[in-house]
N, C-alpha and C. Protein backbone atom coordinates (compact mmCIF):
# COMPACT_ATOMS: atom_id res chain seq x y z
N MET A 1 9.08 21.51 6.66
CA MET A 1 9.03 20.07 6.49
C MET A 1 10.21 19.66 5.60
N SER A 2 10.91 18.64 6.03
CA SER A 2 12.07 18.17 5.27
C SER A 2 11.62 17.44 4.01
N ASP A 3 12.56 17.28 3.08
CA ASP A 3 12.27 16.53 1.86
C ASP A 3 11.90 15.09 2.16
N THR A 4 12.51 14.50 3.19
CA THR A 4 12.19 13.13 3.58
C THR A 4 10.74 13.03 4.06
N GLN A 5 10.31 13.99 4.85
CA GLN A 5 8.93 14.00 5.33
C GLN A 5 7.95 14.24 4.18
N LYS A 6 8.30 15.15 3.28
CA LYS A 6 7.45 15.40 2.11
C LYS A 6 7.32 14.14 1.26
N PHE A 7 8.45 13.46 1.05
CA PHE A 7 8.44 12.22 0.29
C PHE A 7 7.52 11.20 0.94
N ARG A 8 7.61 11.05 2.24
CA ARG A 8 6.77 10.07 2.94
C ARG A 8 5.29 10.37 2.78
N TRP A 9 4.90 11.64 2.88
CA TRP A 9 3.50 12.03 2.71
C TRP A 9 3.02 11.80 1.28
N VAL A 10 3.84 12.21 0.31
CA VAL A 10 3.45 12.04 -1.10
C VAL A 10 3.40 10.56 -1.45
N PHE A 11 4.41 9.79 -1.05
CA PHE A 11 4.43 8.36 -1.30
C PHE A 11 3.19 7.70 -0.70
N SER A 12 2.88 8.01 0.56
CA SER A 12 1.74 7.41 1.24
C SER A 12 0.44 7.78 0.54
N PHE A 13 0.32 9.02 0.12
CA PHE A 13 -0.88 9.46 -0.60
C PHE A 13 -1.05 8.68 -1.90
N LEU A 14 0.00 8.63 -2.71
CA LEU A 14 -0.09 7.97 -4.01
C LEU A 14 -0.26 6.45 -3.88
N MET A 15 0.49 5.81 -2.99
CA MET A 15 0.39 4.36 -2.83
C MET A 15 -0.99 3.98 -2.30
N SER A 16 -1.49 4.71 -1.32
CA SER A 16 -2.81 4.38 -0.78
C SER A 16 -3.91 4.66 -1.79
N LEU A 17 -3.76 5.70 -2.58
CA LEU A 17 -4.72 6.00 -3.64
C LEU A 17 -4.76 4.86 -4.65
N LEU A 18 -3.61 4.43 -5.09
CA LEU A 18 -3.52 3.33 -6.06
C LEU A 18 -4.10 2.03 -5.48
N MET A 19 -3.62 1.65 -4.31
CA MET A 19 -4.05 0.38 -3.72
C MET A 19 -5.54 0.37 -3.39
N SER A 20 -6.06 1.42 -2.79
CA SER A 20 -7.47 1.43 -2.44
C SER A 20 -8.34 1.49 -3.70
N GLY A 21 -7.88 2.19 -4.73
CA GLY A 21 -8.63 2.24 -5.98
C GLY A 21 -8.70 0.89 -6.67
N VAL A 22 -7.56 0.24 -6.79
CA VAL A 22 -7.51 -1.07 -7.46
C VAL A 22 -8.25 -2.12 -6.63
N MET A 23 -7.97 -2.18 -5.34
CA MET A 23 -8.57 -3.23 -4.52
C MET A 23 -10.08 -3.04 -4.35
N SER A 24 -10.54 -1.81 -4.15
CA SER A 24 -11.98 -1.60 -4.01
C SER A 24 -12.69 -1.90 -5.32
N GLY A 25 -12.08 -1.56 -6.45
CA GLY A 25 -12.66 -1.91 -7.75
C GLY A 25 -12.71 -3.41 -7.97
N TRP A 26 -11.64 -4.08 -7.62
CA TRP A 26 -11.56 -5.54 -7.79
C TRP A 26 -12.61 -6.25 -6.94
N VAL A 27 -12.69 -5.88 -5.66
CA VAL A 27 -13.64 -6.54 -4.76
C VAL A 27 -15.08 -6.19 -5.16
N THR A 28 -15.32 -4.95 -5.55
CA THR A 28 -16.67 -4.58 -6.01
C THR A 28 -17.06 -5.40 -7.23
N TRP A 29 -16.14 -5.58 -8.15
CA TRP A 29 -16.42 -6.39 -9.35
C TRP A 29 -16.71 -7.84 -8.98
N ILE A 30 -15.93 -8.40 -8.05
CA ILE A 30 -16.14 -9.80 -7.64
C ILE A 30 -17.50 -9.96 -6.96
N VAL A 31 -17.83 -9.04 -6.06
CA VAL A 31 -19.05 -9.16 -5.27
C VAL A 31 -20.30 -8.80 -6.09
N ALA A 32 -20.25 -7.69 -6.81
CA ALA A 32 -21.46 -7.18 -7.47
C ALA A 32 -21.47 -7.40 -8.97
N GLY A 33 -20.31 -7.63 -9.57
CA GLY A 33 -20.25 -7.76 -11.02
C GLY A 33 -20.34 -6.40 -11.70
N LEU A 34 -20.27 -6.43 -13.01
CA LEU A 34 -20.36 -5.19 -13.78
C LEU A 34 -21.83 -4.91 -14.08
N ASN A 35 -22.48 -4.22 -13.15
CA ASN A 35 -23.89 -3.89 -13.32
C ASN A 35 -24.06 -2.38 -13.45
N ASP A 36 -25.31 -1.94 -13.47
CA ASP A 36 -25.59 -0.51 -13.64
C ASP A 36 -25.09 0.34 -12.48
N HIS A 37 -24.89 -0.27 -11.33
CA HIS A 37 -24.48 0.47 -10.13
C HIS A 37 -23.01 0.26 -9.79
N PHE A 38 -22.27 -0.36 -10.70
CA PHE A 38 -20.88 -0.70 -10.40
C PHE A 38 -20.05 0.52 -9.98
N PHE A 39 -20.09 1.59 -10.77
CA PHE A 39 -19.23 2.74 -10.48
C PHE A 39 -19.65 3.46 -9.21
N ALA A 40 -20.94 3.51 -8.92
CA ALA A 40 -21.40 4.11 -7.66
C ALA A 40 -20.94 3.26 -6.47
N SER A 41 -21.06 1.94 -6.61
CA SER A 41 -20.61 1.04 -5.54
C SER A 41 -19.10 1.13 -5.35
N TRP A 42 -18.37 1.16 -6.47
CA TRP A 42 -16.92 1.28 -6.41
C TRP A 42 -16.52 2.58 -5.72
N GLY A 43 -17.17 3.65 -6.09
CA GLY A 43 -16.88 4.95 -5.49
C GLY A 43 -17.08 4.94 -3.99
N ARG A 44 -18.19 4.37 -3.52
CA ARG A 44 -18.45 4.28 -2.08
C ARG A 44 -17.39 3.42 -1.39
N ALA A 45 -17.05 2.30 -2.02
CA ALA A 45 -16.02 1.43 -1.44
C ALA A 45 -14.68 2.14 -1.38
N PHE A 46 -14.33 2.88 -2.43
CA PHE A 46 -13.07 3.61 -2.46
C PHE A 46 -13.02 4.67 -1.37
N ILE A 47 -14.09 5.45 -1.24
CA ILE A 47 -14.14 6.52 -0.23
C ILE A 47 -14.01 5.93 1.17
N THR A 48 -14.54 4.74 1.38
CA THR A 48 -14.44 4.07 2.67
C THR A 48 -13.04 3.51 2.89
N ALA A 49 -12.43 2.97 1.84
CA ALA A 49 -11.14 2.28 1.97
C ALA A 49 -9.95 3.23 2.02
N TRP A 50 -10.01 4.35 1.32
CA TRP A 50 -8.83 5.19 1.18
C TRP A 50 -8.27 5.71 2.51
N PRO A 51 -9.09 6.23 3.42
CA PRO A 51 -8.49 6.72 4.68
C PRO A 51 -7.76 5.61 5.45
N ALA A 52 -8.33 4.42 5.45
CA ALA A 52 -7.66 3.30 6.13
C ALA A 52 -6.35 2.96 5.42
N ALA A 53 -6.38 2.91 4.10
CA ALA A 53 -5.17 2.59 3.33
C ALA A 53 -4.08 3.64 3.57
N PHE A 54 -4.45 4.91 3.59
CA PHE A 54 -3.48 5.98 3.82
C PHE A 54 -2.84 5.82 5.20
N THR A 55 -3.67 5.58 6.20
CA THR A 55 -3.16 5.41 7.57
C THR A 55 -2.22 4.22 7.66
N ILE A 56 -2.62 3.11 7.05
CA ILE A 56 -1.78 1.91 7.08
C ILE A 56 -0.44 2.15 6.40
N VAL A 57 -0.46 2.80 5.24
CA VAL A 57 0.80 3.07 4.53
C VAL A 57 1.68 4.01 5.36
N MET A 58 1.09 5.05 5.93
CA MET A 58 1.88 6.00 6.74
C MET A 58 2.53 5.29 7.93
N LEU A 59 1.79 4.39 8.56
CA LEU A 59 2.31 3.73 9.75
C LEU A 59 3.23 2.55 9.44
N CYS A 60 2.94 1.81 8.39
CA CYS A 60 3.65 0.55 8.14
C CYS A 60 4.75 0.62 7.09
N ALA A 61 4.71 1.57 6.18
CA ALA A 61 5.69 1.61 5.09
C ALA A 61 7.14 1.61 5.59
N PRO A 62 7.50 2.41 6.58
CA PRO A 62 8.90 2.39 7.02
C PRO A 62 9.35 1.02 7.51
N SER A 63 8.50 0.34 8.27
CA SER A 63 8.85 -0.99 8.77
C SER A 63 8.94 -2.01 7.63
N VAL A 64 8.03 -1.93 6.69
CA VAL A 64 8.05 -2.85 5.56
C VAL A 64 9.29 -2.59 4.69
N GLN A 65 9.66 -1.34 4.53
CA GLN A 65 10.87 -1.01 3.76
C GLN A 65 12.11 -1.56 4.45
N ARG A 66 12.19 -1.42 5.78
CA ARG A 66 13.34 -1.96 6.52
C ARG A 66 13.38 -3.48 6.43
N LEU A 67 12.24 -4.14 6.59
CA LEU A 67 12.17 -5.59 6.48
C LEU A 67 12.58 -6.04 5.09
N SER A 68 12.10 -5.36 4.07
CA SER A 68 12.47 -5.70 2.69
C SER A 68 13.97 -5.57 2.47
N GLN A 69 14.54 -4.50 3.01
CA GLN A 69 15.98 -4.29 2.88
C GLN A 69 16.75 -5.41 3.57
N ARG A 70 16.31 -5.81 4.77
CA ARG A 70 16.99 -6.90 5.48
C ARG A 70 16.90 -8.20 4.70
N ILE A 71 15.75 -8.49 4.12
CA ILE A 71 15.58 -9.73 3.34
C ILE A 71 16.50 -9.73 2.14
N VAL A 72 16.52 -8.63 1.41
CA VAL A 72 17.35 -8.55 0.20
C VAL A 72 18.82 -8.55 0.56
N MET A 73 19.21 -7.79 1.56
CA MET A 73 20.62 -7.68 1.91
C MET A 73 21.14 -8.96 2.55
N SER A 74 20.30 -9.74 3.23
CA SER A 74 20.78 -10.98 3.86
C SER A 74 21.22 -11.99 2.81
N ARG A 75 20.73 -11.88 1.62
CA ARG A 75 21.13 -12.79 0.54
C ARG A 75 22.54 -12.50 0.05
N HIS A 76 23.08 -11.32 0.40
CA HIS A 76 24.41 -10.93 -0.06
C HIS A 76 25.49 -11.15 1.00
N LEU A 77 25.11 -11.67 2.19
CA LEU A 77 26.09 -11.92 3.23
C LEU A 77 26.83 -13.23 2.97
N PRO A 78 28.12 -13.28 3.26
CA PRO A 78 28.84 -14.55 3.16
C PRO A 78 28.24 -15.58 4.10
N ALA A 79 28.41 -16.86 3.82
CA ALA A 79 27.81 -17.94 4.59
C ALA A 79 28.24 -17.95 6.05
N ASN A 80 29.44 -17.46 6.38
CA ASN A 80 29.91 -17.51 7.75
C ASN A 80 29.51 -16.27 8.57
N GLN A 81 28.76 -15.36 8.00
CA GLN A 81 28.31 -14.17 8.68
C GLN A 81 27.02 -14.45 9.44
N PRO A 82 26.82 -13.86 10.61
CA PRO A 82 25.54 -14.01 11.32
C PRO A 82 24.42 -13.42 10.48
N GLY A 83 23.29 -14.07 10.53
CA GLY A 83 22.13 -13.60 9.77
C GLY A 83 22.07 -14.17 8.37
N ALA A 84 23.06 -14.97 7.98
CA ALA A 84 23.06 -15.55 6.62
C ALA A 84 22.33 -16.87 6.62
C-alpha cells in the first residue's frame, strides 16, 4: 500500500471518528439531555453513526478536497482569466 493510500485510510478513520463522536454526542444531548442514560445513548448513536461517517469520508473526501482547492485557487486568478 502506498503512503498516499495509507494517508487516505488514516485520515478517513480519524476524521470520521471525530465527526461521528462530536455529532452523535451533540444530537444525543439535544434530544435526550444530560440524563442518567446519556453516555449509553451516546455510545449507541456513535456505534451506529461511525460506519456511515467512515464510508462518506472515504468516498467524498477527495472530491471535497478538489472542490476546496478550486474555490481557493480561483480567488488567485487574474480577472481576465477563465474561471475568475
